Structures are given as structure tokens and as C-alpha cells.
């Protein structure tokens, strides 16, 4: 079936999360290297990265602390330097091919506002914070399917996370592309489940236009 749409995860697919994770380490008063090491251990165990905070601050409430950061003037910030360098070229090339391009990931409503302000070459940008449902909940991917024109089997979902991206996207009937970058992308690149779930494995988003050949359209 011809591919008509490509939807991208956000963190570590479009955005390099290094600066935001560093900001969180500074906020809770933990050396950045220590925070990253514990985050890596949490990742390797297959847990949600939000659990990292509990090791340093038991009872840590992420929502409350995010609000406190905003009130202190050191809240969530993204700009051009946080985008991976292949983002604009890849999204632009896909649109030039006639693809519908979407962005949907586990991010705050604030992140959605910031991403839209960057003028990315995308037809629609949405976040879990705006939808009120987060990956890997099947309801998130029901929202993805709802936002995309065309049929489910004509849409590719691109992400770096085996459990939050590949597995639920595949279960929803989407074509899946796994990008090998960020902690999860490297950790699970050759994992048997990743190999089974990913229709494509890529190292750069700029590989996508060649995979979605014009003859497939």
C-alpha cells in the first residue's frame, strides 16, 4: 500500500534532550554526569525515565516541579540548537515528495507551543500534554491515526523507543521506523524485539525519503 504520511516522535527523534536533562539535574542539585548515569541505568532496566527523579528525591512530583521551574524563570526551553541537524532537511524532503508530515510525542503542552513556534516543515504538531494521553497508551496512537489523513497502513511512525514507539505503533497498524540515536536508540538498536517490530532501522532521518520511494506512492 502506498505510503502517504510520516509522523515523528519528538524527544531524541527530533529534539536532542541533553539540555533539558541537564536543566533538570541543575534544578534538583545533582551533578549532570550523575543524573545521566542513573538515567542510563533506569533506561537499561526498561523503566520510565521519570523514575530517575525518585532515586534522588523520593516522592518527587514532576508536574509540580515543572511548574516551579517555570515560575522561577528556568522552565522548559527549546530552540533551533536543540533540533538534530537532519530534522529540517528530512521533513522538507518528505513534504516535497507529497508526504503529509506530522509530529506527535510524549511532551508537555508547553513543548508543543515551542515546537510550533520554530516553524518546522510539518502539517501538524501535537503532544501528549495537549491530548491528555501519553505513549504507550493505545489511545495515544488512536489520536495519531485520527490526526493523519488517509488509511492507517499508509502511515509511518518514526521513533527511538522500543516500548513507547515501536510496539504500540505496530499494534495500532502503523508502519514503524526506528532511529538509532539517544540513550534508548543505542541501547535497543539490535534488540530482538526491535528487529521484529521495526519495518525500517535508520541512523538519520535523511534516510527516509529514499526508503519511501516515489514508486511506492
N, C-alpha and C. Protein backbone atom coordinates (compact mmCIF):
# COMPACT_ATOMS: atom_id res chain seq x y z
N UNK A 1 0.85 -1.19 0.00
CA UNK A 1 0.00 0.00 0.00
C UNK A 1 0.88 1.24 0.00
N UNK A 2 0.52 2.24 -0.75
CA UNK A 2 1.32 3.46 -0.86
C UNK A 2 1.38 4.21 0.45
N UNK A 3 2.56 4.69 0.79
CA UNK A 3 2.75 5.50 1.99
C UNK A 3 2.35 6.94 1.69
N UNK A 4 1.52 7.50 2.56
CA UNK A 4 1.02 8.86 2.36
C UNK A 4 1.44 9.81 3.46
N UNK A 5 1.83 9.29 4.63
CA UNK A 5 2.11 10.16 5.77
C UNK A 5 3.26 9.61 6.62
N UNK A 6 3.99 10.53 7.24
CA UNK A 6 5.06 10.16 8.17
C UNK A 6 4.88 11.01 9.43
N UNK A 7 4.82 10.35 10.58
CA UNK A 7 4.66 11.03 11.87
C UNK A 7 5.89 10.76 12.72
N UNK A 8 6.40 11.79 13.35
CA UNK A 8 7.64 11.69 14.11
C UNK A 8 7.41 11.84 15.61
N UNK A 9 8.05 10.97 16.38
CA UNK A 9 8.21 11.16 17.81
C UNK A 9 9.02 12.45 18.01
N UNK A 10 9.11 12.94 19.23
CA UNK A 10 9.80 14.21 19.47
C UNK A 10 11.15 14.02 20.15
N UNK A 11 11.15 13.62 21.44
CA UNK A 11 12.39 13.51 22.19
C UNK A 11 13.33 12.46 21.62
N UNK A 12 14.55 12.86 21.32
CA UNK A 12 15.61 12.02 20.76
C UNK A 12 15.29 11.49 19.36
N UNK A 13 14.20 11.97 18.78
CA UNK A 13 13.94 11.74 17.36
C UNK A 13 14.12 13.05 16.61
N UNK A 14 13.45 14.10 17.09
CA UNK A 14 13.62 15.43 16.53
C UNK A 14 14.48 16.31 17.44
N UNK A 15 14.28 16.17 18.75
CA UNK A 15 14.97 17.02 19.71
C UNK A 15 16.06 16.26 20.46
N UNK A 16 17.22 16.87 20.58
CA UNK A 16 18.27 16.38 21.46
C UNK A 16 17.90 16.82 22.88
N UNK A 17 17.66 15.86 23.76
CA UNK A 17 17.18 16.17 25.11
C UNK A 17 18.28 16.56 26.09
N UNK A 18 19.52 16.64 25.62
CA UNK A 18 20.64 16.85 26.54
C UNK A 18 20.47 18.10 27.39
N UNK A 19 20.08 19.21 26.77
CA UNK A 19 19.97 20.46 27.51
C UNK A 19 18.87 20.38 28.56
N UNK A 20 17.73 19.78 28.21
CA UNK A 20 16.62 19.69 29.16
C UNK A 20 16.96 18.76 30.33
N UNK A 21 17.61 17.63 30.04
CA UNK A 21 18.01 16.75 31.14
C UNK A 21 19.04 17.46 32.03
N UNK A 22 19.93 18.22 31.41
CA UNK A 22 20.91 18.98 32.20
C UNK A 22 20.23 20.01 33.09
N UNK A 23 19.19 20.63 32.56
CA UNK A 23 18.44 21.62 33.35
C UNK A 23 17.77 20.97 34.55
N UNK A 24 17.26 19.76 34.36
CA UNK A 24 16.64 19.04 35.48
C UNK A 24 17.68 18.67 36.53
N UNK A 25 18.86 18.23 36.09
CA UNK A 25 19.92 17.90 37.05
C UNK A 25 20.29 19.13 37.88
N UNK A 26 20.41 20.27 37.22
CA UNK A 26 20.73 21.51 37.93
C UNK A 26 19.62 21.87 38.92
N UNK A 27 18.38 21.67 38.50
CA UNK A 27 17.24 22.05 39.33
C UNK A 27 17.19 21.27 40.63
N UNK A 28 17.51 19.98 40.56
CA UNK A 28 17.44 19.16 41.78
C UNK A 28 18.79 19.09 42.51
N UNK A 29 19.79 19.79 41.97
CA UNK A 29 21.08 19.88 42.65
C UNK A 29 21.94 18.64 42.55
N UNK A 30 21.86 17.95 41.42
CA UNK A 30 22.63 16.73 41.20
C UNK A 30 23.61 16.98 40.05
N UNK A 31 24.87 16.56 40.17
CA UNK A 31 25.80 16.72 39.05
C UNK A 31 25.22 16.09 37.77
N UNK A 32 25.43 16.75 36.67
CA UNK A 32 24.83 16.29 35.41
C UNK A 32 25.28 14.88 35.04
N UNK A 33 26.56 14.58 35.27
CA UNK A 33 27.05 13.24 34.94
C UNK A 33 26.35 12.18 35.79
N UNK A 34 26.16 12.47 37.06
CA UNK A 34 25.48 11.53 37.96
C UNK A 34 24.04 11.32 37.51
N UNK A 35 23.35 12.41 37.19
CA UNK A 35 21.98 12.30 36.72
C UNK A 35 21.91 11.44 35.47
N UNK A 36 22.81 11.68 34.52
CA UNK A 36 22.81 10.93 33.26
C UNK A 36 23.10 9.45 33.50
N UNK A 37 24.00 9.16 34.43
CA UNK A 37 24.34 7.76 34.71
C UNK A 37 23.15 7.01 35.29
N UNK A 38 22.43 7.64 36.21
CA UNK A 38 21.26 7.00 36.80
C UNK A 38 20.15 6.88 35.76
N UNK A 39 19.97 7.90 34.95
CA UNK A 39 19.01 7.83 33.85
C UNK A 39 19.32 6.65 32.95
N UNK A 40 20.60 6.44 32.65
CA UNK A 40 21.01 5.31 31.82
C UNK A 40 20.67 3.97 32.47
N UNK A 41 20.90 3.89 33.78
CA UNK A 41 20.58 2.64 34.49
C UNK A 41 19.08 2.37 34.47
N UNK A 42 18.29 3.42 34.67
CA UNK A 42 16.83 3.29 34.63
C UNK A 42 16.39 2.81 33.25
N UNK A 43 17.00 3.41 32.23
CA UNK A 43 16.68 3.05 30.85
C UNK A 43 16.99 1.58 30.58
N UNK A 44 18.17 1.15 31.02
CA UNK A 44 18.59 -0.23 30.79
C UNK A 44 17.66 -1.24 31.46
N UNK A 45 17.04 -0.82 32.55
CA UNK A 45 16.09 -1.69 33.25
C UNK A 45 14.71 -1.68 32.62
N UNK A 46 14.53 -0.83 31.62
CA UNK A 46 13.25 -0.76 30.91
C UNK A 46 12.20 0.07 31.62
N UNK A 47 12.62 0.93 32.57
CA UNK A 47 11.67 1.75 33.30
C UNK A 47 11.48 3.11 32.63
N UNK A 48 10.42 3.81 33.00
CA UNK A 48 10.16 5.15 32.52
C UNK A 48 11.22 6.10 33.06
N UNK A 49 11.72 7.01 32.21
CA UNK A 49 12.80 7.88 32.66
C UNK A 49 12.39 8.81 33.79
N UNK A 50 11.08 9.04 33.98
CA UNK A 50 10.63 9.88 35.08
C UNK A 50 10.98 9.28 36.44
N UNK A 51 11.20 7.95 36.46
CA UNK A 51 11.55 7.29 37.71
C UNK A 51 12.93 7.70 38.21
N UNK A 52 13.75 8.27 37.33
CA UNK A 52 15.09 8.71 37.71
C UNK A 52 15.04 9.66 38.90
N UNK A 53 14.06 10.55 38.90
CA UNK A 53 13.98 11.56 39.95
C UNK A 53 13.76 10.94 41.33
N UNK A 54 13.07 9.80 41.37
CA UNK A 54 12.77 9.19 42.66
C UNK A 54 14.02 8.71 43.38
N UNK A 55 15.08 8.40 42.63
CA UNK A 55 16.33 7.96 43.25
C UNK A 55 17.00 9.11 44.00
N UNK A 56 16.82 10.29 43.50
CA UNK A 56 17.45 11.46 44.12
C UNK A 56 16.52 12.18 45.10
N UNK A 57 15.23 12.20 44.75
CA UNK A 57 14.24 12.92 45.55
C UNK A 57 12.99 12.05 45.69
N UNK A 58 12.98 11.12 46.66
CA UNK A 58 11.79 10.28 46.82
C UNK A 58 10.53 11.12 46.99
N UNK A 59 9.47 10.74 46.28
CA UNK A 59 8.23 11.50 46.33
C UNK A 59 8.20 12.68 45.37
N UNK A 60 9.22 12.79 44.53
CA UNK A 60 9.32 13.89 43.57
C UNK A 60 8.08 13.92 42.67
N UNK A 61 7.46 15.10 42.58
CA UNK A 61 6.28 15.29 41.74
C UNK A 61 6.69 16.09 40.52
N UNK A 62 6.76 15.42 39.37
CA UNK A 62 7.28 16.03 38.15
C UNK A 62 6.42 17.22 37.71
N UNK A 63 5.10 17.08 37.80
CA UNK A 63 4.22 18.15 37.37
C UNK A 63 4.42 19.41 38.21
N UNK A 64 4.48 19.22 39.52
CA UNK A 64 4.68 20.35 40.43
C UNK A 64 6.02 21.02 40.21
N UNK A 65 7.06 20.21 40.06
CA UNK A 65 8.40 20.76 39.88
C UNK A 65 8.54 21.45 38.53
N UNK A 66 7.86 20.95 37.52
CA UNK A 66 7.89 21.62 36.23
C UNK A 66 7.28 23.02 36.34
N UNK A 67 6.20 23.13 37.08
CA UNK A 67 5.56 24.44 37.30
C UNK A 67 6.48 25.36 38.08
N UNK A 68 7.14 24.82 39.09
CA UNK A 68 8.06 25.63 39.89
C UNK A 68 9.22 26.14 39.05
N UNK A 69 9.71 25.31 38.12
CA UNK A 69 10.77 25.77 37.22
C UNK A 69 10.29 26.94 36.37
N UNK A 70 9.08 26.82 35.85
CA UNK A 70 8.53 27.90 35.03
C UNK A 70 8.42 29.19 35.85
N UNK A 71 7.93 29.07 37.06
CA UNK A 71 7.75 30.25 37.92
C UNK A 71 9.09 30.88 38.28
N UNK A 72 10.14 30.06 38.32
CA UNK A 72 11.48 30.55 38.66
C UNK A 72 12.21 31.10 37.43
N UNK A 73 11.57 31.01 36.26
CA UNK A 73 12.19 31.53 35.04
C UNK A 73 13.21 30.61 34.42
N UNK A 74 13.21 29.33 34.81
CA UNK A 74 14.15 28.36 34.23
C UNK A 74 13.38 27.14 33.71
N UNK A 75 12.22 27.42 33.15
CA UNK A 75 11.37 26.34 32.66
C UNK A 75 11.85 25.75 31.35
N UNK A 76 11.00 24.90 30.82
CA UNK A 76 11.29 24.17 29.59
C UNK A 76 11.60 25.14 28.45
N UNK A 77 12.74 24.94 27.79
CA UNK A 77 13.15 25.80 26.70
C UNK A 77 13.73 24.94 25.56
N UNK A 78 13.27 25.18 24.36
CA UNK A 78 13.84 24.54 23.18
C UNK A 78 14.01 25.61 22.11
N UNK A 79 15.06 25.49 21.34
CA UNK A 79 15.20 26.36 20.17
C UNK A 79 15.94 25.59 19.09
N UNK A 80 16.38 26.31 18.08
CA UNK A 80 16.97 25.66 16.91
C UNK A 80 18.15 24.76 17.27
N UNK A 81 18.93 25.16 18.26
CA UNK A 81 20.12 24.37 18.61
C UNK A 81 19.76 23.01 19.21
N UNK A 82 18.53 22.84 19.67
CA UNK A 82 18.12 21.57 20.25
C UNK A 82 17.60 20.58 19.19
N UNK A 83 17.33 21.07 18.00
CA UNK A 83 16.91 20.17 16.92
C UNK A 83 18.12 19.42 16.39
N UNK A 84 17.96 18.14 16.11
CA UNK A 84 19.02 17.41 15.43
C UNK A 84 19.19 18.00 14.02
N UNK A 85 20.42 18.05 13.51
CA UNK A 85 20.66 18.74 12.24
C UNK A 85 19.96 18.14 11.02
N UNK A 86 19.52 16.89 11.13
CA UNK A 86 18.85 16.28 9.96
C UNK A 86 17.35 16.53 9.93
N UNK A 87 16.81 17.22 10.95
CA UNK A 87 15.35 17.37 11.07
C UNK A 87 14.76 18.18 9.93
N UNK A 88 15.22 19.40 9.76
CA UNK A 88 14.62 20.24 8.72
C UNK A 88 14.84 19.67 7.32
N UNK A 89 16.05 19.21 6.98
CA UNK A 89 16.22 18.63 5.64
C UNK A 89 15.31 17.44 5.37
N UNK A 90 15.16 16.55 6.37
CA UNK A 90 14.35 15.36 6.18
C UNK A 90 12.87 15.69 6.05
N UNK A 91 12.36 16.52 6.94
CA UNK A 91 10.94 16.86 6.89
C UNK A 91 10.61 17.64 5.61
N UNK A 92 11.52 18.52 5.21
CA UNK A 92 11.29 19.28 3.99
C UNK A 92 11.28 18.36 2.77
N UNK A 93 12.21 17.40 2.74
CA UNK A 93 12.28 16.47 1.61
C UNK A 93 11.02 15.62 1.52
N UNK A 94 10.50 15.20 2.66
CA UNK A 94 9.28 14.40 2.66
C UNK A 94 8.09 15.21 2.16
N UNK A 95 7.98 16.44 2.61
CA UNK A 95 6.89 17.28 2.12
C UNK A 95 7.01 17.54 0.63
N UNK A 96 8.25 17.69 0.15
CA UNK A 96 8.46 17.92 -1.28
C UNK A 96 8.04 16.70 -2.11
N UNK A 97 8.06 15.51 -1.47
CA UNK A 97 7.60 14.29 -2.13
C UNK A 97 6.08 14.16 -2.12
N UNK A 98 5.42 15.06 -1.42
CA UNK A 98 3.97 14.99 -1.31
C UNK A 98 3.48 14.26 -0.08
N UNK A 99 4.41 13.96 0.86
CA UNK A 99 4.02 13.29 2.10
C UNK A 99 3.35 14.28 3.06
N UNK A 100 2.36 13.78 3.78
CA UNK A 100 1.81 14.52 4.91
C UNK A 100 2.75 14.26 6.08
N UNK A 101 3.23 15.31 6.74
CA UNK A 101 4.22 15.18 7.81
C UNK A 101 3.62 15.65 9.13
N UNK A 102 3.68 14.78 10.13
CA UNK A 102 3.16 15.11 11.45
C UNK A 102 4.21 14.89 12.52
N UNK A 103 3.99 15.51 13.67
CA UNK A 103 4.86 15.36 14.85
C UNK A 103 3.96 15.08 16.04
N UNK A 104 4.23 14.00 16.76
CA UNK A 104 3.41 13.65 17.93
C UNK A 104 4.25 12.83 18.90
N UNK A 105 4.45 13.35 20.11
CA UNK A 105 5.26 12.63 21.07
C UNK A 105 4.87 12.94 22.50
N UNK A 106 5.55 12.29 23.43
CA UNK A 106 5.30 12.50 24.86
C UNK A 106 6.03 13.75 25.33
N UNK A 107 5.34 14.86 25.20
CA UNK A 107 5.90 16.14 25.62
C UNK A 107 4.79 16.97 26.26
N UNK A 108 5.16 18.04 26.91
CA UNK A 108 4.20 18.92 27.55
C UNK A 108 3.48 19.79 26.51
N UNK A 109 2.40 20.40 26.94
CA UNK A 109 1.72 21.37 26.08
C UNK A 109 2.65 22.53 25.76
N UNK A 110 3.47 22.92 26.72
CA UNK A 110 4.44 23.99 26.51
C UNK A 110 5.41 23.63 25.38
N UNK A 111 5.88 22.38 25.37
CA UNK A 111 6.79 21.93 24.30
C UNK A 111 6.11 22.00 22.95
N UNK A 112 4.82 21.67 22.90
CA UNK A 112 4.09 21.77 21.65
C UNK A 112 4.06 23.19 21.13
N UNK A 113 3.83 24.15 22.04
CA UNK A 113 3.82 25.55 21.65
C UNK A 113 5.18 25.99 21.11
N UNK A 114 6.24 25.55 21.78
CA UNK A 114 7.59 25.92 21.35
C UNK A 114 7.90 25.33 19.98
N UNK A 115 7.57 24.06 19.79
CA UNK A 115 7.86 23.41 18.51
C UNK A 115 7.12 24.09 17.37
N UNK A 116 5.87 24.47 17.60
CA UNK A 116 5.12 25.16 16.54
C UNK A 116 5.73 26.53 16.23
N UNK A 117 6.31 27.17 17.24
CA UNK A 117 6.92 28.48 17.03
C UNK A 117 8.20 28.40 16.20
N UNK A 118 8.78 27.21 16.09
CA UNK A 118 10.03 27.04 15.34
C UNK A 118 9.79 26.96 13.83
N UNK A 119 8.53 26.86 13.42
CA UNK A 119 8.23 26.82 12.00
C UNK A 119 8.76 25.59 11.29
N UNK A 120 8.63 24.44 11.93
CA UNK A 120 9.09 23.20 11.31
C UNK A 120 8.26 22.88 10.07
N UNK A 121 8.86 22.23 9.08
CA UNK A 121 8.10 21.81 7.90
C UNK A 121 7.22 20.60 8.23
N UNK A 122 6.14 20.85 8.93
CA UNK A 122 5.22 19.81 9.36
C UNK A 122 3.79 20.30 9.21
N UNK A 123 2.89 19.39 8.89
CA UNK A 123 1.48 19.76 8.71
C UNK A 123 0.74 19.88 10.02
N UNK A 124 1.20 19.15 11.04
CA UNK A 124 0.54 19.21 12.35
C UNK A 124 1.52 18.78 13.42
N UNK A 125 1.52 19.48 14.55
CA UNK A 125 2.36 19.14 15.70
C UNK A 125 1.47 19.03 16.92
N UNK A 126 1.58 17.91 17.64
CA UNK A 126 0.76 17.68 18.84
C UNK A 126 1.60 16.95 19.89
N UNK A 127 1.21 17.11 21.15
CA UNK A 127 1.92 16.46 22.24
C UNK A 127 0.95 15.74 23.17
N UNK A 128 1.51 14.83 23.95
CA UNK A 128 0.69 14.10 24.91
C UNK A 128 0.06 15.04 25.93
N UNK A 129 0.78 16.11 26.28
CA UNK A 129 0.24 17.08 27.22
C UNK A 129 -1.00 17.77 26.70
N UNK A 130 -1.05 17.97 25.40
CA UNK A 130 -2.21 18.60 24.77
C UNK A 130 -3.36 17.61 24.59
N UNK A 131 -3.02 16.37 24.35
CA UNK A 131 -4.04 15.34 24.13
C UNK A 131 -4.59 14.74 25.42
N UNK A 132 -3.81 14.83 26.50
CA UNK A 132 -4.23 14.22 27.75
C UNK A 132 -4.04 12.72 27.79
N UNK A 133 -3.20 12.20 26.92
CA UNK A 133 -2.90 10.77 26.90
C UNK A 133 -1.48 10.60 26.35
N UNK A 134 -0.73 9.68 26.95
CA UNK A 134 0.68 9.53 26.60
C UNK A 134 1.00 8.12 26.12
N UNK A 135 2.05 8.02 25.32
CA UNK A 135 2.56 6.71 24.93
C UNK A 135 3.06 5.97 26.16
N UNK A 136 2.93 4.66 26.20
CA UNK A 136 2.49 3.75 25.13
C UNK A 136 1.00 3.44 25.12
N UNK A 137 0.19 4.24 25.76
CA UNK A 137 -1.25 4.00 25.77
C UNK A 137 -1.77 3.92 24.33
N UNK A 138 -2.53 2.86 24.01
CA UNK A 138 -3.09 2.74 22.66
C UNK A 138 -3.93 3.96 22.26
N UNK A 139 -4.50 4.65 23.26
CA UNK A 139 -5.31 5.82 22.96
C UNK A 139 -4.47 6.94 22.33
N UNK A 140 -3.17 6.98 22.64
CA UNK A 140 -2.30 7.97 22.02
C UNK A 140 -2.23 7.71 20.52
N UNK A 141 -2.05 6.46 20.16
CA UNK A 141 -1.92 6.14 18.74
C UNK A 141 -3.26 6.20 18.01
N UNK A 142 -4.34 6.05 18.75
CA UNK A 142 -5.65 6.31 18.15
C UNK A 142 -5.75 7.78 17.77
N UNK A 143 -5.17 8.65 18.60
CA UNK A 143 -5.12 10.08 18.29
C UNK A 143 -4.25 10.34 17.06
N UNK A 144 -3.13 9.64 16.98
CA UNK A 144 -2.24 9.79 15.82
C UNK A 144 -2.99 9.43 14.55
N UNK A 145 -3.68 8.29 14.58
CA UNK A 145 -4.43 7.85 13.41
C UNK A 145 -5.53 8.84 13.06
N UNK A 146 -6.14 9.40 14.07
CA UNK A 146 -7.20 10.38 13.85
C UNK A 146 -6.67 11.65 13.19
N UNK A 147 -5.45 12.05 13.53
CA UNK A 147 -4.91 13.30 13.02
C UNK A 147 -4.39 13.19 11.59
N UNK A 148 -4.09 11.98 11.15
CA UNK A 148 -3.46 11.78 9.85
C UNK A 148 -4.51 11.50 8.77
N UNK A 149 -4.42 12.17 7.63
CA UNK A 149 -5.32 11.83 6.53
C UNK A 149 -4.92 10.49 5.90
N UNK A 150 -5.86 9.80 5.34
CA UNK A 150 -5.54 8.52 4.72
C UNK A 150 -5.72 7.36 5.66
N UNK A 151 -5.33 6.18 5.22
CA UNK A 151 -5.54 4.96 5.98
C UNK A 151 -4.36 4.66 6.90
N UNK A 152 -4.63 3.90 7.94
CA UNK A 152 -3.62 3.58 8.95
C UNK A 152 -2.39 2.94 8.33
N UNK A 153 -2.58 1.99 7.44
CA UNK A 153 -1.46 1.27 6.84
C UNK A 153 -0.65 2.09 5.87
N UNK A 154 -1.02 3.36 5.67
CA UNK A 154 -0.27 4.26 4.80
C UNK A 154 0.59 5.23 5.58
N UNK A 155 0.67 5.04 6.90
CA UNK A 155 1.38 5.98 7.77
C UNK A 155 2.57 5.32 8.43
N UNK A 156 3.71 6.02 8.42
CA UNK A 156 4.92 5.58 9.10
C UNK A 156 5.06 6.36 10.40
N UNK A 157 5.33 5.66 11.51
CA UNK A 157 5.65 6.33 12.76
C UNK A 157 7.13 6.12 13.04
N UNK A 158 7.85 7.22 13.29
CA UNK A 158 9.30 7.19 13.48
C UNK A 158 9.63 7.51 14.93
N UNK A 159 10.39 6.64 15.59
CA UNK A 159 10.75 6.90 16.97
C UNK A 159 12.01 6.16 17.39
N UNK A 160 12.48 6.47 18.60
CA UNK A 160 13.72 5.91 19.11
C UNK A 160 13.49 4.90 20.25
N UNK A 161 12.23 4.70 20.63
CA UNK A 161 11.95 3.90 21.83
C UNK A 161 11.20 2.63 21.46
N UNK A 162 11.77 1.52 21.84
CA UNK A 162 11.18 0.23 21.52
C UNK A 162 9.79 0.05 22.11
N UNK A 163 9.65 0.37 23.41
CA UNK A 163 8.41 0.08 24.11
C UNK A 163 7.34 1.16 23.95
N UNK A 164 7.78 2.42 23.84
CA UNK A 164 6.81 3.51 23.74
C UNK A 164 6.48 3.90 22.30
N UNK A 165 7.37 3.56 21.37
CA UNK A 165 7.15 3.93 19.97
C UNK A 165 6.82 2.72 19.10
N UNK A 166 7.76 1.80 19.01
CA UNK A 166 7.60 0.69 18.06
C UNK A 166 6.44 -0.23 18.40
N UNK A 167 6.42 -0.71 19.63
CA UNK A 167 5.42 -1.73 19.98
C UNK A 167 3.99 -1.21 19.85
N UNK A 168 3.63 -0.06 20.46
CA UNK A 168 2.25 0.40 20.33
C UNK A 168 1.91 0.89 18.93
N UNK A 169 2.89 1.44 18.22
CA UNK A 169 2.61 1.89 16.84
C UNK A 169 2.33 0.70 15.94
N UNK A 170 3.11 -0.34 16.10
CA UNK A 170 2.89 -1.55 15.31
C UNK A 170 1.55 -2.19 15.65
N UNK A 171 1.22 -2.22 16.95
CA UNK A 171 -0.07 -2.78 17.37
C UNK A 171 -1.24 -1.99 16.80
N UNK A 172 -1.03 -0.69 16.57
CA UNK A 172 -2.08 0.16 16.02
C UNK A 172 -2.22 0.02 14.50
N UNK A 173 -1.29 -0.73 13.89
CA UNK A 173 -1.36 -0.95 12.45
C UNK A 173 -0.51 -0.01 11.62
N UNK A 174 0.37 0.75 12.28
CA UNK A 174 1.23 1.69 11.57
C UNK A 174 2.51 1.01 11.09
N UNK A 175 3.11 1.55 10.05
CA UNK A 175 4.45 1.15 9.63
C UNK A 175 5.41 1.81 10.62
N UNK A 176 6.49 1.11 10.98
CA UNK A 176 7.38 1.65 12.01
C UNK A 176 8.81 1.83 11.49
N UNK A 177 9.42 2.94 11.92
CA UNK A 177 10.83 3.20 11.62
C UNK A 177 11.53 3.53 12.93
N UNK A 178 12.61 2.84 13.22
CA UNK A 178 13.37 3.02 14.46
C UNK A 178 14.64 3.79 14.15
N UNK A 179 14.87 4.89 14.86
CA UNK A 179 16.09 5.66 14.65
C UNK A 179 17.07 5.39 15.78
N UNK A 180 18.30 5.09 15.42
CA UNK A 180 19.33 4.72 16.39
C UNK A 180 20.07 5.98 16.84
N UNK A 181 19.49 6.65 17.83
CA UNK A 181 20.17 7.75 18.50
C UNK A 181 19.47 8.03 19.83
N UNK A 182 20.18 8.74 20.69
CA UNK A 182 19.68 8.91 22.05
C UNK A 182 19.92 7.64 22.85
N UNK A 183 19.75 7.69 24.16
CA UNK A 183 20.04 6.52 25.01
C UNK A 183 19.28 5.27 24.60
N UNK A 184 17.97 5.43 24.33
CA UNK A 184 17.15 4.27 24.00
C UNK A 184 17.48 3.74 22.62
N UNK A 185 17.74 4.64 21.69
CA UNK A 185 18.06 4.22 20.33
C UNK A 185 19.31 3.37 20.25
N UNK A 186 20.33 3.75 21.01
CA UNK A 186 21.55 2.95 21.02
C UNK A 186 21.39 1.68 21.83
N UNK A 187 20.71 1.78 22.96
CA UNK A 187 20.56 0.63 23.83
C UNK A 187 19.81 -0.51 23.14
N UNK A 188 18.77 -0.17 22.38
CA UNK A 188 17.89 -1.19 21.82
C UNK A 188 18.04 -1.39 20.31
N UNK A 189 19.10 -0.86 19.73
CA UNK A 189 19.26 -0.92 18.28
C UNK A 189 19.24 -2.34 17.74
N UNK A 190 19.87 -3.27 18.45
CA UNK A 190 19.96 -4.65 17.97
C UNK A 190 19.16 -5.62 18.83
N UNK A 191 18.28 -5.08 19.65
CA UNK A 191 17.43 -5.92 20.48
C UNK A 191 16.50 -6.76 19.60
N UNK A 192 16.31 -8.04 19.92
CA UNK A 192 15.45 -8.89 19.09
C UNK A 192 14.05 -8.33 18.89
N UNK A 193 13.48 -7.72 19.92
CA UNK A 193 12.14 -7.14 19.77
C UNK A 193 12.15 -5.95 18.82
N UNK A 194 13.22 -5.15 18.89
CA UNK A 194 13.36 -4.03 17.96
C UNK A 194 13.42 -4.54 16.53
N UNK A 195 14.23 -5.57 16.32
CA UNK A 195 14.38 -6.14 14.97
C UNK A 195 13.06 -6.67 14.45
N UNK A 196 12.24 -7.21 15.36
CA UNK A 196 10.95 -7.76 14.96
C UNK A 196 9.92 -6.67 14.69
N UNK A 197 9.97 -5.60 15.48
CA UNK A 197 8.92 -4.58 15.42
C UNK A 197 9.18 -3.50 14.36
N UNK A 198 10.45 -3.24 14.06
CA UNK A 198 10.78 -2.13 13.16
C UNK A 198 10.74 -2.59 11.70
N UNK A 199 9.93 -1.91 10.90
CA UNK A 199 9.96 -2.17 9.46
C UNK A 199 11.25 -1.64 8.86
N UNK A 200 11.72 -0.51 9.39
CA UNK A 200 12.99 0.08 8.97
C UNK A 200 13.80 0.47 10.19
N UNK A 201 15.12 0.38 10.07
CA UNK A 201 16.03 0.92 11.09
C UNK A 201 16.95 1.91 10.40
N UNK A 202 17.04 3.11 10.96
CA UNK A 202 17.81 4.17 10.33
C UNK A 202 18.74 4.83 11.34
N UNK A 203 19.79 5.47 10.82
CA UNK A 203 20.71 6.23 11.65
C UNK A 203 20.51 7.73 11.48
N UNK A 204 19.77 8.11 10.46
CA UNK A 204 19.49 9.52 10.20
C UNK A 204 18.11 9.65 9.57
N UNK A 205 17.43 10.74 9.90
CA UNK A 205 16.11 10.97 9.32
C UNK A 205 16.19 11.20 7.81
N UNK A 206 17.36 11.61 7.33
CA UNK A 206 17.51 11.86 5.90
C UNK A 206 17.50 10.57 5.08
N UNK A 207 17.51 9.43 5.74
CA UNK A 207 17.39 8.15 5.03
C UNK A 207 15.95 7.87 4.61
N UNK A 208 15.00 8.52 5.23
CA UNK A 208 13.59 8.20 5.00
C UNK A 208 13.12 8.45 3.57
N UNK A 209 13.44 9.60 2.94
CA UNK A 209 12.93 9.81 1.59
C UNK A 209 13.31 8.70 0.61
N UNK A 210 14.52 8.17 0.76
CA UNK A 210 14.95 7.10 -0.14
C UNK A 210 14.20 5.80 0.14
N UNK A 211 13.82 5.58 1.40
CA UNK A 211 13.07 4.38 1.73
C UNK A 211 11.63 4.48 1.23
N UNK A 212 11.09 5.69 1.29
CA UNK A 212 9.73 5.90 0.80
C UNK A 212 9.85 6.30 -0.68
N UNK A 213 10.10 5.33 -1.51
CA UNK A 213 10.37 5.59 -2.92
C UNK A 213 9.16 6.16 -3.64
N UNK A 214 9.38 7.04 -4.61
CA UNK A 214 8.25 7.58 -5.38
C UNK A 214 7.38 6.49 -6.02
N UNK A 215 8.00 5.37 -6.37
CA UNK A 215 7.21 4.29 -6.99
C UNK A 215 6.23 3.67 -6.03
N UNK A 216 6.45 3.88 -4.69
CA UNK A 216 5.54 3.35 -3.68
C UNK A 216 4.30 4.22 -3.53
N UNK A 217 4.34 5.38 -4.12
CA UNK A 217 3.25 6.33 -3.95
C UNK A 217 2.23 6.20 -5.08
